[in-house]
Each structure stands twice: as C-alpha cells, then as structure tokens.
Protein backbone atom coordinates (compact mmCIF):
# COMPACT_ATOMS: atom_id res chain seq x y z
CA MET A 1 -21.02 -16.45 -22.97
CA GLY A 2 -17.40 -17.38 -21.98
CA LEU A 3 -15.22 -15.74 -19.43
CA TRP A 4 -11.09 -16.59 -19.06
CA LEU A 5 -9.33 -15.28 -16.91
CA LEU A 6 -5.64 -14.64 -17.21
CA PRO A 7 -2.83 -15.43 -13.76
CA PRO A 8 -2.51 -11.51 -12.46
CA PHE A 9 0.75 -9.65 -12.79
CA SER A 10 2.58 -6.57 -11.88
CA VAL A 11 2.33 -3.35 -12.95
CA PRO A 12 3.70 0.12 -11.74
CA ALA A 13 1.75 2.85 -10.69
CA MET A 14 -1.05 4.46 -13.27
CA ILE A 15 -4.09 5.34 -13.08
CA PHE A 16 -6.80 3.52 -16.86
CA LEU A 17 -9.12 5.60 -18.06
CA HIS A 18 -12.23 3.99 -19.86
CA LEU A 19 -14.26 6.44 -22.39
CA GLU A 20 -17.04 5.61 -24.28
CA ARG A 21 -18.08 8.13 -27.26
CA GLN A 22 -20.54 8.12 -30.62
CA GLN A 23 -19.01 8.61 -33.64
CA GLY A 24 -18.75 12.35 -34.15
CA GLU A 25 -18.18 13.25 -30.46
CA SER A 26 -15.23 14.56 -29.06
CA VAL A 27 -13.48 13.81 -26.02
CA GLU A 28 -10.15 14.48 -23.67
CA PHE A 29 -7.13 13.54 -22.15
CA SER A 30 -6.01 15.40 -19.32
CA CYS A 31 -2.18 14.06 -19.09
CA HIS A 32 0.10 15.55 -16.28
CA ILE A 33 3.55 13.78 -14.41
CA GLU A 34 4.02 14.77 -10.58
CA PRO A 35 5.10 18.31 -10.44
CA GLY A 36 8.14 17.64 -8.65
CA SER A 37 9.15 15.86 -11.45
CA PRO A 38 12.15 16.99 -13.97
CA LEU A 39 10.94 20.10 -16.32
CA PRO A 40 9.87 18.92 -19.46
CA TYR A 41 11.13 19.65 -22.46
CA GLY A 42 8.39 17.58 -25.13
CA PHE A 43 5.04 16.04 -25.36
CA TYR A 44 3.71 12.74 -26.59
CA LEU A 45 1.07 11.08 -27.36
CA LYS A 46 0.91 7.46 -28.66
CA ARG A 47 -1.54 5.15 -29.42
CA THR A 48 -0.56 1.51 -28.19
CA TRP A 49 -3.02 -1.15 -28.75
CA LEU A 50 -4.92 -1.89 -31.62
CA GLN A 51 -2.85 0.56 -34.40
CA PRO A 52 0.48 1.16 -32.16
CA ARG A 53 1.99 4.21 -33.32
CA ILE A 54 3.37 8.55 -32.37
CA VAL A 55 -0.11 10.62 -32.72
CA PHE A 56 1.87 14.10 -32.34
CA PHE A 57 5.14 15.17 -30.57
CA TRP A 58 5.27 18.82 -29.15
CA TYR A 59 8.53 20.01 -28.65
CA GLN A 60 8.42 23.05 -26.19
CA ASN A 61 6.67 26.47 -27.90
CA ASP A 62 7.00 24.46 -31.50
CA PRO A 63 4.23 23.97 -33.19
CA PRO A 64 2.89 19.96 -32.61
CA ASP A 65 4.07 17.55 -34.96
CA VAL A 66 0.88 15.73 -35.79
CA LYS A 67 1.98 12.32 -37.88
CA ASP A 68 -1.14 10.88 -39.79
CA ALA A 69 -2.64 14.55 -41.58
CA ALA A 70 -6.07 13.18 -40.91
CA ASP A 71 -5.72 13.77 -37.46
CA LYS A 72 -4.41 17.35 -37.84
CA GLY A 73 -8.20 19.58 -38.10
CA ARG A 74 -8.93 16.88 -35.32
CA LEU A 75 -6.38 18.10 -32.72
CA SER A 76 -6.37 20.89 -30.24
CA ILE A 77 -3.62 20.68 -27.62
CA SER A 78 -3.20 23.49 -24.66
CA GLY A 79 -1.04 23.39 -21.57
CA ASP A 80 2.66 23.02 -21.49
CA PRO A 81 4.99 20.38 -20.88
CA SER A 82 7.14 22.42 -18.85
CA SER A 83 4.28 22.49 -16.99
CA HIS A 84 3.75 18.98 -16.39
CA ALA A 85 0.66 18.62 -17.65
CA VAL A 86 -1.22 19.05 -21.28
CA ASN A 87 -4.85 18.51 -22.59
CA VAL A 88 -5.53 16.96 -25.84
CA SER A 89 -8.93 17.51 -27.70
CA PHE A 90 -9.73 15.09 -30.87
CA SER A 91 -13.19 15.90 -32.30
CA GLN A 92 -15.02 14.47 -35.36
CA LEU A 93 -14.55 11.03 -33.70
CA LYS A 94 -14.31 8.27 -35.67
CA ALA A 95 -14.66 4.32 -35.08
CA ALA A 96 -11.47 3.92 -36.43
CA ASP A 97 -9.98 5.86 -33.19
CA THR A 98 -10.84 3.48 -30.42
CA ASP A 99 -7.29 2.23 -29.06
CA ARG A 100 -5.41 3.03 -25.70
CA TYR A 101 -3.89 6.62 -25.61
CA SER A 102 -0.80 7.01 -23.91
CA CYS A 103 0.98 10.23 -22.56
CA GLU A 104 4.96 10.27 -22.10
CA PHE A 105 6.64 13.97 -21.32
CA MET A 106 10.70 13.83 -22.73
CA VAL A 107 13.12 14.99 -19.94
CA GLU A 108 16.66 16.08 -20.71
CA ARG A 109 19.14 14.14 -18.49
CA ASN A 110 22.80 15.54 -18.99
CA GLY A 111 25.51 12.85 -20.29
CA LYS A 112 22.78 10.53 -20.85
CA GLU A 113 19.74 9.61 -22.94
CA ASP A 114 17.10 11.88 -22.71
CA GLU A 115 14.39 10.03 -20.40
CA LYS A 116 10.24 9.67 -21.23
CA ILE A 117 8.30 10.12 -17.85
CA PRO A 118 4.60 8.65 -18.54
CA GLY A 119 1.88 10.31 -18.06
CA ARG A 120 0.00 9.47 -14.78
CA THR A 121 -3.02 8.18 -16.39
CA GLU A 122 -3.54 5.82 -19.39
CA PHE A 123 -6.68 5.74 -21.44
CA PHE A 124 -8.95 3.70 -23.11
CA LEU A 125 -11.36 5.14 -26.12
CA TYR A 126 -14.37 3.29 -27.50
CA VAL A 127 -15.95 5.07 -29.86
CA SER A 128 -19.58 3.48 -30.97
CA SER A 129 -20.34 3.54 -34.45
CA ASP A 130 -24.28 2.16 -34.21
CA GLY A 131 -25.37 5.06 -31.62
CA GLU A 132 -25.59 3.11 -28.71
CA TYR A 133 -23.44 3.32 -25.35
CA HIS A 134 -22.47 -0.30 -25.16
CA PHE A 135 -21.06 0.16 -21.15
CA PRO A 136 -23.42 1.73 -17.81
CA HIS A 137 -20.29 4.32 -16.80
CA VAL A 138 -17.38 5.19 -17.35
CA SER A 139 -14.62 3.24 -15.21
CA ILE A 140 -11.15 4.29 -13.73
CA LEU A 141 -8.62 1.43 -12.61
CA ARG A 142 -6.25 2.64 -10.12
CA ALA A 143 -3.49 0.20 -10.74
CA ALA A 144 -0.83 0.27 -7.77
CA PRO A 145 2.58 -1.22 -7.80
CA ALA A 146 -0.01 -4.49 -7.02
CA LEU A 147 -1.47 -7.15 -8.55
CA CYS A 148 -4.50 -6.81 -11.71
CA SER A 149 -5.90 -9.85 -13.65
CA PHE A 150 -7.41 -9.65 -17.46
CA SER A 151 -10.69 -10.85 -18.14
CA ILE A 152 -11.78 -11.76 -21.81
CA HIS A 153 -15.13 -11.98 -22.73
CA PRO A 154 -14.88 -14.23 -26.77
CA PHE A 155 -18.57 -13.70 -27.32
CA SER A 156 -19.71 -10.36 -25.66
CA SER A 157 -22.27 -8.44 -28.00
CA VAL A 158 -20.04 -5.31 -28.34
CA TYR A 159 -18.17 -7.21 -31.04
CA PRO A 160 -18.89 -8.26 -34.56
CA GLU A 161 -18.44 -12.34 -33.65
CA SER A 162 -21.80 -11.84 -31.83
CA GLY A 163 -23.81 -10.82 -35.42
CA ARG A 164 -25.25 -7.83 -33.14
CA ARG A 165 -23.82 -4.34 -32.81
CA GLY A 166 -20.69 -4.25 -35.08
CA SER A 167 -17.91 -2.52 -33.88
CA SER A 168 -14.75 -1.61 -35.16
CA LEU A 169 -12.58 -4.41 -32.83
CA SER A 170 -11.18 -7.41 -34.06
CA PRO A 171 -11.28 -10.07 -31.85
CA GLU A 172 -7.64 -9.78 -30.49
CA ALA A 173 -9.29 -6.40 -29.25
CA GLN A 174 -11.99 -8.33 -27.36
CA THR A 175 -10.36 -7.49 -23.89
CA SER A 176 -11.63 -5.42 -21.21
CA LEU A 177 -9.66 -4.55 -17.98
CA SER A 178 -10.69 -6.38 -14.71
CA PRO A 179 -8.79 -4.41 -11.48
CA ALA A 180 -7.74 -5.46 -8.14
CA THR A 181 -9.39 -2.88 -6.96
CA TRP A 182 -10.95 0.31 -9.03
CA ALA A 183 -14.05 3.01 -8.66
CA SER A 184 -17.01 3.57 -11.25
CA SER A 185 -18.67 6.84 -11.82
CA SER A 186 -23.13 5.84 -12.75
CA GLY A 187 -25.55 7.67 -14.23
CA GLY A 188 -24.90 7.72 -17.26
CA ILE A 189 -21.87 8.75 -19.40
CA PRO A 190 -20.63 11.84 -18.08
CA ARG A 191 -18.24 14.38 -20.72
CA ARG A 192 -15.28 13.57 -18.88
CA SER A 193 -14.28 11.67 -15.51
CA LEU A 194 -11.39 12.33 -13.23
CA ALA A 195 -10.24 10.22 -10.84
CA ARG A 196 -10.24 10.99 -7.15
C-alpha cells in the first residue's frame, strides 16, 4: 500500500464530519452558525468535491429550490435560516450521493454585496454499495486556524483500483483528511455523531 503526505496547509475554524451509510439508508446534516451572527435570510446546501453543484437554496419562508429533480423526493428540511440552524435529511441514499457537502447562510449587507457565511460543519458522506462498512468509526476533525495535512492512499481496498469492493469513488477522490488533532467515535456506525 502506498502513502503520500502533502505539505500542511492552513484552514479556517471548521469541523469536518465523516459519515458512512449504505445504499437505501438516510443521513442528516445539521448546519448552524454562531447565534450571535447577523440574521440570515437564506440557506444553501452545496456539493463541493466530486460533483460540485448547489443541492438547494432556501429563501426565508419560501419552499426550498431543489436544483435536481431526482433529489426532490429524498430531501426533508427543518429549522429556519433566521434561527441560525437548518437540518437536512437525505433519504434513499445512492452511491452517487458520495461527496463533500457544505452549508452557507446568506446575510444581507446594506449597501454591500450579500455575505455568505459558511456553516460550522462540513460533511463527507460515503455511501457504500456493497453492503459493507469500510470505516471502523465516524471521524470528527476539528480544524482550527492551525495546520492540517492530507494523506493519499492510492491502493486502499475501498476503491475500485484494488480489485475488491468496488465503489463509486474515482481515483481523484482517493484522499482522506489526516488531522493535526481529531476525535473518533467508535463502537460501530452511529446514525448521527455530534462534535463535542
């Protein structure tokens, strides 16, 4: 097995949450910003890695604008952008849902361009198509304004190139975060994991 380490890089304060599910299961993303932040009027959920695109935009009390018709029957959204917290549930997961997901809250700025405030948590969702869990736990990476690094495992058995356990990830996606400091929740795959 090969392992390459890339140089450390600086990142803003953020929590990266890794979640694994089987096809047909559900997942929930809990998005929030600090309560003292300006009052948001809208909310985005975005895919930011394998298939970068907007999943939906929610403007105040209007119905969410879901961009892909295939997602409309699978999304359940609760909370309110103006309360600084939105929960998004994805049901009937497919391998193609594997991606990195991020939240953004829209804030109006008088006389200036509206501001997008990123949620405190980013999510990496891995949807397995072979009936097995490939990761022993859910990982929570706290990335303060410090240093983190990437580790690349080009011959991991999780990926198609190994000849075992085919997955939907492409060679470009064979990257995992190796944190400077992180916490792990062991004992199986919980349905939801909360950062402490």
